[in-house]
Amino acid sequence: MGISFYEVSHSYPGLKKKETVDAIKNINLNINETGEFVCIVGQTGSGKSTLVQHMNALLLPTTGYVDILGAKITPKAKKNPKLKPIRKNVGFVFQFPEYQLFEETVLKDIVFAPKIFGMTATEATARAKEVASMLEISDLLDKSPFNLSGGQMRKVAIAGILAYNPSVLLLDEPTRGLDPKGQREIMDMFYELYTTSNKTTIVITHDMDIVYRYATRVIVMKDKEIFFDGTPNEVFGSDIYKESHLLKPQILSLIDYLNEKMGYNLKYEYKTCDELIKALGGIINE
């Protein structure tokens, strides 16, 4: 099982009477329940967030249907299955963390969802403290979430989802509001979680360095449709990224520069500057 779209479109009411505006169109897609680290990219307005909001039934399709881990979601809300099991198994971290925070303290906020999904108060508290330690926010547990910085709020929102351990993670711009060090730490944490638990992770991002470094699969949205679905090397090793108005990852731009200006013949096989420096050291010492 996984998350599958079958001819899914979604539209919103327009400004004029009976007018509709397409948000996504004719989506056919399958994402496995385990083993994928998917980045969804595209220009603002291309349909990324609308697509992901269908993956845990925050939005219902206008036409077509979505199968979420065996639960069929159709346009007819009354015929849809109960959504609580879907929300338990598919966790969503919103782009704006303040949308998810509402309790008096950080600890109460983190334990809220685990208790809703069946943990005892003791179990939820223990799990919240474990996740807070993982995210290095243990010192914030007694504070109000609304007195935190944007980056701290982001980590609290992430902790609230990780605490109930969903099968699939949906992350809408998870590094928003974090400094470069915090961005790297958060993405390394998600990637380690993916590699150790085989938990499928789906990330919306505008950062092509994140895409190239972490993704096993890239879905490119353009004009409300899926323009491309493949590997990072297929996207950035061709004109696909240009046609989609995406930037080239910095590491690949550096490799291009070294090949062009320094006469190297480096391949697109290095994910980080450390890997590239190590390779260059080997070449120089030959």
C-alpha atoms as a PDB file:
ATOM      1  CA  MET A   1       0.000   0.000   0.000  1.00  0.00           C
ATOM      2  CA  GLY A   2       0.934   3.630  -0.304  1.00  0.00           C
ATOM      3  CA  ILE A   3      -0.596   6.918  -1.438  1.00  0.00           C
ATOM      4  CA  SER A   4      -2.051   6.779  -4.944  1.00  0.00           C
ATOM      5  CA  PHE A   5      -3.802   9.425  -7.057  1.00  0.00           C
ATOM      6  CA  TYR A   6      -6.182   8.437  -9.837  1.00  0.00           C
ATOM      7  CA  GLU A   7      -7.057  11.226 -12.293  1.00  0.00           C
ATOM      8  CA  VAL A   8      -7.269  13.702  -9.427  1.00  0.00           C
ATOM      9  CA  SER A   9      -8.134  17.350  -9.981  1.00  0.00           C
ATOM     10  CA  HIS A  10      -8.977  19.990  -7.425  1.00  0.00           C
ATOM     11  CA  SER A  11     -10.482  23.406  -8.056  1.00  0.00           C
ATOM     12  CA  TYR A  12     -11.501  26.390  -5.941  1.00  0.00           C
ATOM     13  CA  PRO A  13     -14.395  28.819  -6.477  1.00  0.00           C
ATOM     14  CA  GLY A  14     -13.325  31.817  -8.534  1.00  0.00           C
ATOM     15  CA  LEU A  15     -14.232  35.452  -8.099  1.00  0.00           C
ATOM     16  CA  LYS A  16     -17.008  35.338 -10.686  1.00  0.00           C
ATOM     17  CA  LYS A  17     -20.231  33.421 -10.294  1.00  0.00           C
ATOM     18  CA  LYS A  18     -19.830  29.730 -11.214  1.00  0.00           C
ATOM     19  CA  GLU A  19     -16.153  30.334 -11.977  1.00  0.00           C
ATOM     20  CA  THR A  20     -13.617  27.739 -10.775  1.00  0.00           C
ATOM     21  CA  VAL A  21      -9.844  27.927 -10.568  1.00  0.00           C
ATOM     22  CA  ASP A  22      -7.740  24.792 -11.002  1.00  0.00           C
ATOM     23  CA  ALA A  23      -5.267  24.028  -8.216  1.00  0.00           C
ATOM     24  CA  ILE A  24      -4.112  20.637  -9.542  1.00  0.00           C
ATOM     25  CA  LYS A  25      -5.138  18.823 -12.719  1.00  0.00           C
ATOM     26  CA  ASN A  26      -5.165  15.208 -13.884  1.00  0.00           C
ATOM     27  CA  ILE A  27      -2.820  13.833 -11.234  1.00  0.00           C
ATOM     28  CA  ASN A  28      -1.826  10.171 -11.483  1.00  0.00           C
ATOM     29  CA  LEU A  29       0.768   9.268  -8.909  1.00  0.00           C
ATOM     30  CA  ASN A  30       1.871   6.480  -6.610  1.00  0.00           C
ATOM     31  CA  ILE A  31       4.147   6.881  -3.583  1.00  0.00           C
ATOM     32  CA  ASN A  32       5.129   3.810  -1.586  1.00  0.00           C
ATOM     33  CA  GLU A  33       4.311   3.615   2.115  1.00  0.00           C
ATOM     34  CA  THR A  34       7.947   2.876   2.924  1.00  0.00           C
ATOM     35  CA  GLY A  35      11.370   3.476   1.459  1.00  0.00           C
ATOM     36  CA  GLU A  36      11.001   6.801  -0.368  1.00  0.00           C
ATOM     37  CA  PHE A  37      12.386  10.261   0.343  1.00  0.00           C
ATOM     38  CA  VAL A  38      10.393  12.406  -2.068  1.00  0.00           C
ATOM     39  CA  CYS A  39      10.893  16.103  -2.737  1.00  0.00           C
ATOM     40  CA  ILE A  40       8.085  18.019  -4.431  1.00  0.00           C
ATOM     41  CA  VAL A  41       9.277  21.143  -6.222  1.00  0.00           C
ATOM     42  CA  GLY A  42       8.004  23.813  -8.578  1.00  0.00           C
ATOM     43  CA  GLN A  43       7.309  27.513  -8.775  1.00  0.00           C
ATOM     44  CA  THR A  44       4.921  29.221  -6.376  1.00  0.00           C
ATOM     45  CA  GLY A  45       1.383  28.441  -7.494  1.00  0.00           C
ATOM     46  CA  SER A  46       2.327  25.243  -9.319  1.00  0.00           C
ATOM     47  CA  GLY A  47       0.133  23.083  -7.063  1.00  0.00           C
ATOM     48  CA  LYS A  48       2.632  21.613  -4.591  1.00  0.00           C
ATOM     49  CA  SER A  49       0.752  22.336  -1.360  1.00  0.00           C
ATOM     50  CA  THR A  50      -2.613  21.360  -2.820  1.00  0.00           C
ATOM     51  CA  LEU A  51      -1.152  18.053  -3.962  1.00  0.00           C
ATOM     52  CA  VAL A  52       0.277  17.265  -0.534  1.00  0.00           C
ATOM     53  CA  GLN A  53      -2.903  18.295   1.296  1.00  0.00           C
ATOM     54  CA  HIS A  54      -4.690  15.493  -0.560  1.00  0.00           C
ATOM     55  CA  MET A  55      -2.223  12.978   0.892  1.00  0.00           C
ATOM     56  CA  ASN A  56      -3.858  12.976   4.315  1.00  0.00           C
ATOM     57  CA  ALA A  57      -7.316  14.125   3.181  1.00  0.00           C
ATOM     58  CA  LEU A  58      -7.038  17.729   4.348  1.00  0.00           C
ATOM     59  CA  LEU A  59      -8.523  18.426   0.920  1.00  0.00           C
ATOM     60  CA  LEU A  60     -10.923  16.214  -1.027  1.00  0.00           C
ATOM     61  CA  PRO A  61     -10.536  15.805  -4.785  1.00  0.00           C
ATOM     62  CA  THR A  62     -12.964  17.626  -7.062  1.00  0.00           C
ATOM     63  CA  THR A  63     -12.692  14.754  -9.519  1.00  0.00           C
ATOM     64  CA  GLY A  64     -10.929  11.393  -9.342  1.00  0.00           C
ATOM     65  CA  TYR A  65      -9.935   9.763  -6.063  1.00  0.00           C
ATOM     66  CA  VAL A  66      -6.957   9.225  -3.754  1.00  0.00           C
ATOM     67  CA  ASP A  67      -6.120   5.932  -2.060  1.00  0.00           C
ATOM     68  CA  ILE A  68      -4.343   6.648   1.238  1.00  0.00           C
ATOM     69  CA  LEU A  69      -2.887   3.475   2.747  1.00  0.00           C
ATOM     70  CA  GLY A  70      -5.965   1.537   1.631  1.00  0.00           C
ATOM     71  CA  ALA A  71      -8.589   4.216   2.395  1.00  0.00           C
ATOM     72  CA  LYS A  72     -10.355   5.533  -0.717  1.00  0.00           C
ATOM     73  CA  ILE A  73     -10.948   9.308  -0.624  1.00  0.00           C
ATOM     74  CA  THR A  74     -13.526  10.581  -3.134  1.00  0.00           C
ATOM     75  CA  PRO A  75     -15.234  13.930  -3.824  1.00  0.00           C
ATOM     76  CA  LYS A  76     -18.302  12.770  -1.870  1.00  0.00           C
ATOM     77  CA  ALA A  77     -17.395  13.488   1.733  1.00  0.00           C
ATOM     78  CA  LYS A  78     -20.253  11.468   3.242  1.00  0.00           C
ATOM     79  CA  LYS A  79     -18.995   8.282   1.565  1.00  0.00           C
ATOM     80  CA  ASN A  80     -15.409   8.683   2.735  1.00  0.00           C
ATOM     81  CA  PRO A  81     -13.937   6.598   5.559  1.00  0.00           C
ATOM     82  CA  LYS A  82     -13.274   8.111   8.972  1.00  0.00           C
ATOM     83  CA  LEU A  83     -10.268  10.378   8.733  1.00  0.00           C
ATOM     84  CA  LYS A  84      -8.728   9.837  12.181  1.00  0.00           C
ATOM     85  CA  PRO A  85      -6.813   6.645  11.166  1.00  0.00           C
ATOM     86  CA  ILE A  86      -5.514   8.466   8.071  1.00  0.00           C
ATOM     87  CA  ARG A  87      -4.297  11.434  10.110  1.00  0.00           C
ATOM     88  CA  LYS A  88      -2.655   9.053  12.593  1.00  0.00           C
ATOM     89  CA  ASN A  89      -0.706   7.276   9.864  1.00  0.00           C
ATOM     90  CA  VAL A  90       0.109  10.294   7.674  1.00  0.00           C
ATOM     91  CA  GLY A  91       1.577  13.157   9.723  1.00  0.00           C
ATOM     92  CA  PHE A  92       1.611  16.680   8.274  1.00  0.00           C
ATOM     93  CA  VAL A  93       3.932  19.497   9.377  1.00  0.00           C
ATOM     94  CA  PHE A  94       2.482  22.721   7.989  1.00  0.00           C
ATOM     95  CA  GLN A  95       4.523  25.467   6.359  1.00  0.00           C
ATOM     96  CA  PHE A  96       3.535  27.911   9.105  1.00  0.00           C
ATOM     97  CA  PRO A  97       4.059  26.304  12.530  1.00  0.00           C
ATOM     98  CA  GLU A  98       1.789  28.765  14.325  1.00  0.00           C
ATOM     99  CA  TYR A  99      -1.126  27.031  12.603  1.00  0.00           C
ATOM    100  CA  GLN A 100      -0.390  23.896  14.646  1.00  0.00           C
ATOM    101  CA  LEU A 101       0.406  25.347  18.057  1.00  0.00           C
ATOM    102  CA  PHE A 102      -2.336  26.218  20.533  1.00  0.00           C
ATOM    103  CA  GLU A 103      -1.593  24.830  24.020  1.00  0.00           C
ATOM    104  CA  GLU A 104      -0.318  26.686  27.105  1.00  0.00           C
ATOM    105  CA  THR A 105       3.101  25.027  27.087  1.00  0.00           C
ATOM    106  CA  VAL A 106       5.346  23.311  24.597  1.00  0.00           C
ATOM    107  CA  LEU A 107       5.007  20.003  26.452  1.00  0.00           C
ATOM    108  CA  LYS A 108       1.197  20.135  26.368  1.00  0.00           C
ATOM    109  CA  ASP A 109       1.338  20.918  22.663  1.00  0.00           C
ATOM    110  CA  ILE A 110       3.594  17.967  21.864  1.00  0.00           C
ATOM    111  CA  VAL A 111       1.578  15.429  23.904  1.00  0.00           C
ATOM    112  CA  PHE A 112      -1.794  16.527  22.504  1.00  0.00           C
ATOM    113  CA  ALA A 113      -1.814  14.427  19.314  1.00  0.00           C
ATOM    114  CA  PRO A 114      -0.294  11.271  20.838  1.00  0.00           C
ATOM    115  CA  LYS A 115      -3.059  11.290  23.474  1.00  0.00           C
ATOM    116  CA  ILE A 116      -5.727  11.818  20.800  1.00  0.00           C
ATOM    117  CA  PHE A 117      -4.323   8.838  18.910  1.00  0.00           C
ATOM    118  CA  GLY A 118      -4.459   6.492  21.887  1.00  0.00           C
ATOM    119  CA  MET A 119      -1.379   6.930  24.067  1.00  0.00           C
ATOM    120  CA  THR A 120      -1.788   7.256  27.814  1.00  0.00           C
ATOM    121  CA  ALA A 121      -0.724  10.523  29.424  1.00  0.00           C
ATOM    122  CA  THR A 122       2.390   8.812  30.780  1.00  0.00           C
ATOM    123  CA  GLU A 123       3.297   7.303  27.398  1.00  0.00           C
ATOM    124  CA  ALA A 124       2.663  10.581  25.581  1.00  0.00           C
ATOM    125  CA  THR A 125       4.791  12.565  28.027  1.00  0.00           C
ATOM    126  CA  ALA A 126       7.674  10.107  27.778  1.00  0.00           C
ATOM    127  CA  ARG A 127       7.492  10.179  23.991  1.00  0.00           C
ATOM    128  CA  ALA A 128       7.305  13.984  23.944  1.00  0.00           C
ATOM    129  CA  LYS A 129      10.434  14.267  26.076  1.00  0.00           C
ATOM    130  CA  GLU A 130      12.240  11.766  23.830  1.00  0.00           C
ATOM    131  CA  VAL A 131      11.395  13.736  20.684  1.00  0.00           C
ATOM    132  CA  ALA A 132      12.192  17.061  22.358  1.00  0.00           C
ATOM    133  CA  SER A 133      15.636  15.735  23.214  1.00  0.00           C
ATOM    134  CA  MET A 134      16.115  14.599  19.612  1.00  0.00           C
ATOM    135  CA  LEU A 135      15.261  18.122  18.400  1.00  0.00           C
ATOM    136  CA  GLU A 136      17.250  19.811  21.186  1.00  0.00           C
ATOM    137  CA  ILE A 137      14.251  21.682  22.606  1.00  0.00           C
ATOM    138  CA  SER A 138      14.065  20.018  26.047  1.00  0.00           C
ATOM    139  CA  ASP A 139      14.702  23.379  27.692  1.00  0.00           C
ATOM    140  CA  LEU A 140      11.535  24.779  26.086  1.00  0.00           C
ATOM    141  CA  LEU A 141       9.008  22.272  27.423  1.00  0.00           C
ATOM    142  CA  ASP A 142       7.617  24.541  30.152  1.00  0.00           C
ATOM    143  CA  LYS A 143       7.493  27.655  27.983  1.00  0.00           C
ATOM    144  CA  SER A 144       4.569  29.005  25.983  1.00  0.00           C
ATOM    145  CA  PRO A 145       4.901  28.071  22.295  1.00  0.00           C
ATOM    146  CA  PHE A 146       3.846  31.612  21.406  1.00  0.00           C
ATOM    147  CA  ASN A 147       6.878  33.141  23.121  1.00  0.00           C
ATOM    148  CA  LEU A 148       9.338  31.264  20.924  1.00  0.00           C
ATOM    149  CA  SER A 149      11.300  32.268  17.854  1.00  0.00           C
ATOM    150  CA  GLY A 150      10.108  31.142  14.441  1.00  0.00           C
ATOM    151  CA  GLY A 151      12.762  28.434  14.308  1.00  0.00           C
ATOM    152  CA  GLN A 152      11.825  27.138  17.764  1.00  0.00           C
ATOM    153  CA  MET A 153       8.145  27.077  16.821  1.00  0.00           C
ATOM    154  CA  ARG A 154       9.071  25.065  13.759  1.00  0.00           C
ATOM    155  CA  LYS A 155      10.834  22.468  15.901  1.00  0.00           C
ATOM    156  CA  VAL A 156       7.886  22.255  18.320  1.00  0.00           C
ATOM    157  CA  ALA A 157       5.481  21.696  15.423  1.00  0.00           C
ATOM    158  CA  ILE A 158       7.743  18.927  14.088  1.00  0.00           C
ATOM    159  CA  ALA A 159       7.969  17.373  17.559  1.00  0.00           C
ATOM    160  CA  GLY A 160       4.178  17.264  17.808  1.00  0.00           C
ATOM    161  CA  ILE A 161       4.044  15.119  14.671  1.00  0.00           C
ATOM    162  CA  LEU A 162       7.026  12.878  15.407  1.00  0.00           C
ATOM    163  CA  ALA A 163       5.649  12.165  18.887  1.00  0.00           C
ATOM    164  CA  TYR A 164       2.876   9.910  17.571  1.00  0.00           C
ATOM    165  CA  ASN A 165       5.173   8.214  15.034  1.00  0.00           C
ATOM    166  CA  PRO A 166       3.104   8.288  11.804  1.00  0.00           C
ATOM    167  CA  SER A 167       3.915   5.841   9.002  1.00  0.00           C
ATOM    168  CA  VAL A 168       4.385   8.633   6.427  1.00  0.00           C
ATOM    169  CA  LEU A 169       5.673  12.174   7.010  1.00  0.00           C
ATOM    170  CA  LEU A 170       4.476  15.163   4.980  1.00  0.00           C
ATOM    171  CA  LEU A 171       6.653  18.245   5.429  1.00  0.00           C
ATOM    172  CA  ASP A 172       5.751  21.586   3.868  1.00  0.00           C
ATOM    173  CA  GLU A 173       8.931  23.711   3.795  1.00  0.00           C
ATOM    174  CA  PRO A 174      10.319  22.165   7.020  1.00  0.00           C
ATOM    175  CA  THR A 175      13.424  24.384   7.071  1.00  0.00           C
ATOM    176  CA  ARG A 176      11.499  27.655   6.845  1.00  0.00           C
ATOM    177  CA  GLY A 177      12.549  30.065   9.612  1.00  0.00           C
ATOM    178  CA  LEU A 178      15.737  28.170  10.476  1.00  0.00           C
ATOM    179  CA  ASP A 179      19.294  29.420  10.079  1.00  0.00           C
ATOM    180  CA  PRO A 180      21.634  27.398   7.803  1.00  0.00           C
ATOM    181  CA  LYS A 181      22.933  25.299  10.699  1.00  0.00           C
ATOM    182  CA  GLY A 182      19.392  24.576  11.881  1.00  0.00           C
ATOM    183  CA  GLN A 183      18.284  23.694   8.352  1.00  0.00           C
ATOM    184  CA  ARG A 184      21.098  21.177   8.005  1.00  0.00           C
ATOM    185  CA  GLU A 185      20.416  19.648  11.412  1.00  0.00           C
ATOM    186  CA  ILE A 186      16.692  19.260  10.776  1.00  0.00           C
ATOM    187  CA  MET A 187      17.179  17.717   7.334  1.00  0.00           C
ATOM    188  CA  ASP A 188      19.911  15.385   8.622  1.00  0.00           C
ATOM    189  CA  MET A 189      17.509  14.299  11.364  1.00  0.00           C
ATOM    190  CA  PHE A 190      14.694  13.577   8.909  1.00  0.00           C
ATOM    191  CA  TYR A 191      17.070  11.720   6.609  1.00  0.00           C
ATOM    192  CA  GLU A 192      18.417   9.620   9.478  1.00  0.00           C
ATOM    193  CA  LEU A 193      14.837   8.830  10.496  1.00  0.00           C
ATOM    194  CA  TYR A 194      14.134   7.774   6.912  1.00  0.00           C
ATOM    195  CA  THR A 195      17.232   5.580   6.664  1.00  0.00           C
ATOM    196  CA  THR A 196      16.784   3.908  10.060  1.00  0.00           C
ATOM    197  CA  SER A 197      13.000   3.364   9.948  1.00  0.00           C
ATOM    198  CA  ASN A 198      12.428   3.189   6.169  1.00  0.00           C
ATOM    199  CA  LYS A 199       9.644   5.729   6.767  1.00  0.00           C
ATOM    200  CA  THR A 200       8.530   7.414   3.555  1.00  0.00           C
ATOM    201  CA  THR A 201       9.112  11.163   3.837  1.00  0.00           C
ATOM    202  CA  ILE A 202       7.578  13.704   1.463  1.00  0.00           C
ATOM    203  CA  VAL A 203       9.010  17.229   1.470  1.00  0.00           C
ATOM    204  CA  ILE A 204       7.853  20.384  -0.277  1.00  0.00           C
ATOM    205  CA  THR A 205      10.840  22.658  -0.714  1.00  0.00           C
ATOM    206  CA  HIS A 206      12.192  25.541  -2.784  1.00  0.00           C
ATOM    207  CA  ASP A 207      15.762  24.660  -1.792  1.00  0.00           C
ATOM    208  CA  MET A 208      17.380  22.675  -4.588  1.00  0.00           C
ATOM    209  CA  ASP A 209      20.395  21.901  -2.395  1.00  0.00           C
ATOM    210  CA  ILE A 210      18.042  19.969  -0.097  1.00  0.00           C
ATOM    211  CA  VAL A 211      16.553  18.188  -3.105  1.00  0.00           C
ATOM    212  CA  TYR A 212      19.902  17.101  -4.502  1.00  0.00           C
ATOM    213  CA  ARG A 213      21.391  16.069  -1.174  1.00  0.00           C
ATOM    214  CA  TYR A 214      18.507  14.082   0.306  1.00  0.00           C
ATOM    215  CA  ALA A 215      15.867  13.083  -2.251  1.00  0.00           C
ATOM    216  CA  THR A 216      15.604   9.619  -3.745  1.00  0.00           C
ATOM    217  CA  ARG A 217      12.818  10.900  -5.992  1.00  0.00           C
ATOM    218  CA  VAL A 218      11.771  14.321  -7.271  1.00  0.00           C
ATOM    219  CA  ILE A 219       8.275  15.307  -8.384  1.00  0.00           C
ATOM    220  CA  VAL A 220       8.283  18.545 -10.390  1.00  0.00           C
ATOM    221  CA  MET A 221       4.991  20.457 -10.513  1.00  0.00           C
ATOM    222  CA  LYS A 222       4.331  22.881 -13.348  1.00  0.00           C
ATOM    223  CA  ASP A 223       1.074  24.552 -14.385  1.00  0.00           C
ATOM    224  CA  LYS A 224      -0.886  22.517 -11.773  1.00  0.00           C
ATOM    225  CA  GLU A 225       0.262  19.182 -13.228  1.00  0.00           C
ATOM    226  CA  ILE A 226       3.123  16.744 -12.693  1.00  0.00           C
ATOM    227  CA  PHE A 227       5.758  17.825 -15.188  1.00  0.00           C
ATOM    228  CA  PHE A 228       8.405  15.277 -14.206  1.00  0.00           C
ATOM    229  CA  ASP A 229       8.824  12.389 -11.783  1.00  0.00           C
ATOM    230  CA  GLY A 230      12.277  10.873 -11.426  1.00  0.00           C
ATOM    231  CA  THR A 231      15.679  11.107  -9.744  1.00  0.00           C
ATOM    232  CA  PRO A 232      17.620  14.255  -8.783  1.00  0.00           C
ATOM    233  CA  ASN A 233      20.313  13.430 -11.341  1.00  0.00           C
ATOM    234  CA  GLU A 234      17.671  13.232 -14.068  1.00  0.00           C
ATOM    235  CA  VAL A 235      16.322  16.654 -13.081  1.00  0.00           C
ATOM    236  CA  PHE A 236      19.632  18.487 -12.728  1.00  0.00           C
ATOM    237  CA  GLY A 237      21.617  16.533 -15.308  1.00  0.00           C
ATOM    238  CA  SER A 238      19.294  17.682 -18.087  1.00  0.00           C
ATOM    239  CA  ASP A 239      17.297  20.773 -19.030  1.00  0.00           C
ATOM    240  CA  ILE A 240      14.347  19.725 -16.865  1.00  0.00           C
ATOM    241  CA  TYR A 241      15.315  22.103 -14.075  1.00  0.00           C
ATOM    242  CA  LYS A 242      15.616  25.001 -16.550  1.00  0.00           C
ATOM    243  CA  GLU A 243      12.246  24.221 -18.141  1.00  0.00           C
ATOM    244  CA  SER A 244      10.737  24.174 -14.650  1.00  0.00           C
ATOM    245  CA  HIS A 245      12.433  27.479 -13.664  1.00  0.00           C
ATOM    246  CA  LEU A 246      14.409  25.826 -10.877  1.00  0.00           C
ATOM    247  CA  LEU A 247      17.891  26.734  -9.678  1.00  0.00           C
ATOM    248  CA  LYS A 248      20.789  24.334  -9.998  1.00  0.00           C
ATOM    249  CA  PRO A 249      22.147  23.039  -6.658  1.00  0.00           C
ATOM    250  CA  GLN A 250      25.255  24.911  -5.536  1.00  0.00           C
ATOM    251  CA  ILE A 251      27.401  21.766  -5.447  1.00  0.00           C
ATOM    252  CA  LEU A 252      26.593  21.051  -9.112  1.00  0.00           C
ATOM    253  CA  SER A 253      27.291  24.659 -10.117  1.00  0.00           C
ATOM    254  CA  LEU A 254      30.668  24.317  -8.386  1.00  0.00           C
ATOM    255  CA  ILE A 255      31.382  21.078 -10.254  1.00  0.00           C
ATOM    256  CA  ASP A 256      30.471  22.821 -13.528  1.00  0.00           C
ATOM    257  CA  TYR A 257      32.876  25.656 -12.690  1.00  0.00           C
ATOM    258  CA  LEU A 258      35.739  23.300 -11.853  1.00  0.00           C
ATOM    259  CA  ASN A 259      35.230  21.336 -15.046  1.00  0.00           C
ATOM    260  CA  GLU A 260      35.016  24.419 -17.217  1.00  0.00           C
ATOM    261  CA  LYS A 261      37.681  26.629 -15.632  1.00  0.00           C
ATOM    262  CA  MET A 262      40.081  24.084 -14.130  1.00  0.00           C
ATOM    263  CA  GLY A 263      39.880  21.333 -16.711  1.00  0.00           C
ATOM    264  CA  TYR A 264      38.542  18.613 -14.395  1.00  0.00           C
ATOM    265  CA  ASN A 265      36.184  15.888 -15.555  1.00  0.00           C
ATOM    266  CA  LEU A 266      34.095  15.568 -12.405  1.00  0.00           C
ATOM    267  CA  LYS A 267      30.792  13.700 -12.492  1.00  0.00           C
ATOM    268  CA  TYR A 268      27.553  14.594 -10.726  1.00  0.00           C
ATOM    269  CA  GLU A 269      28.174  12.098  -7.933  1.00  0.00           C
ATOM    270  CA  TYR A 270      29.073  14.307  -4.959  1.00  0.00           C
ATOM    271  CA  LYS A 271      26.314  15.435  -2.611  1.00  0.00           C
ATOM    272  CA  THR A 272      28.327  17.708  -0.319  1.00  0.00           C
ATOM    273  CA  CYS A 273      31.350  19.998  -0.463  1.00  0.00           C
ATOM    274  CA  ASP A 274      33.199  17.614   1.890  1.00  0.00           C
ATOM    275  CA  GLU A 275      32.755  14.772  -0.601  1.00  0.00           C
ATOM    276  CA  LEU A 276      33.916  17.005  -3.444  1.00  0.00           C
ATOM    277  CA  ILE A 277      36.980  18.249  -1.521  1.00  0.00           C
ATOM    278  CA  LYS A 278      37.934  14.651  -0.710  1.00  0.00           C
ATOM    279  CA  ALA A 279      37.654  13.713  -4.387  1.00  0.00           C
ATOM    280  CA  LEU A 280      39.737  16.702  -5.436  1.00  0.00           C
ATOM    281  CA  GLY A 281      42.388  15.759  -2.887  1.00  0.00           C
ATOM    282  CA  GLY A 282      42.615  12.326  -4.441  1.00  0.00           C
ATOM    283  CA  ILE A 283      42.959  13.797  -7.935  1.00  0.00           C
ATOM    284  CA  ILE A 284      45.675  16.259  -6.888  1.00  0.00           C
ATOM    285  CA  ASN A 285      47.678  13.519  -5.138  1.00  0.00           C
ATOM    286  CA  GLU A 286      47.614  11.194  -8.144  1.00  0.00           C
END
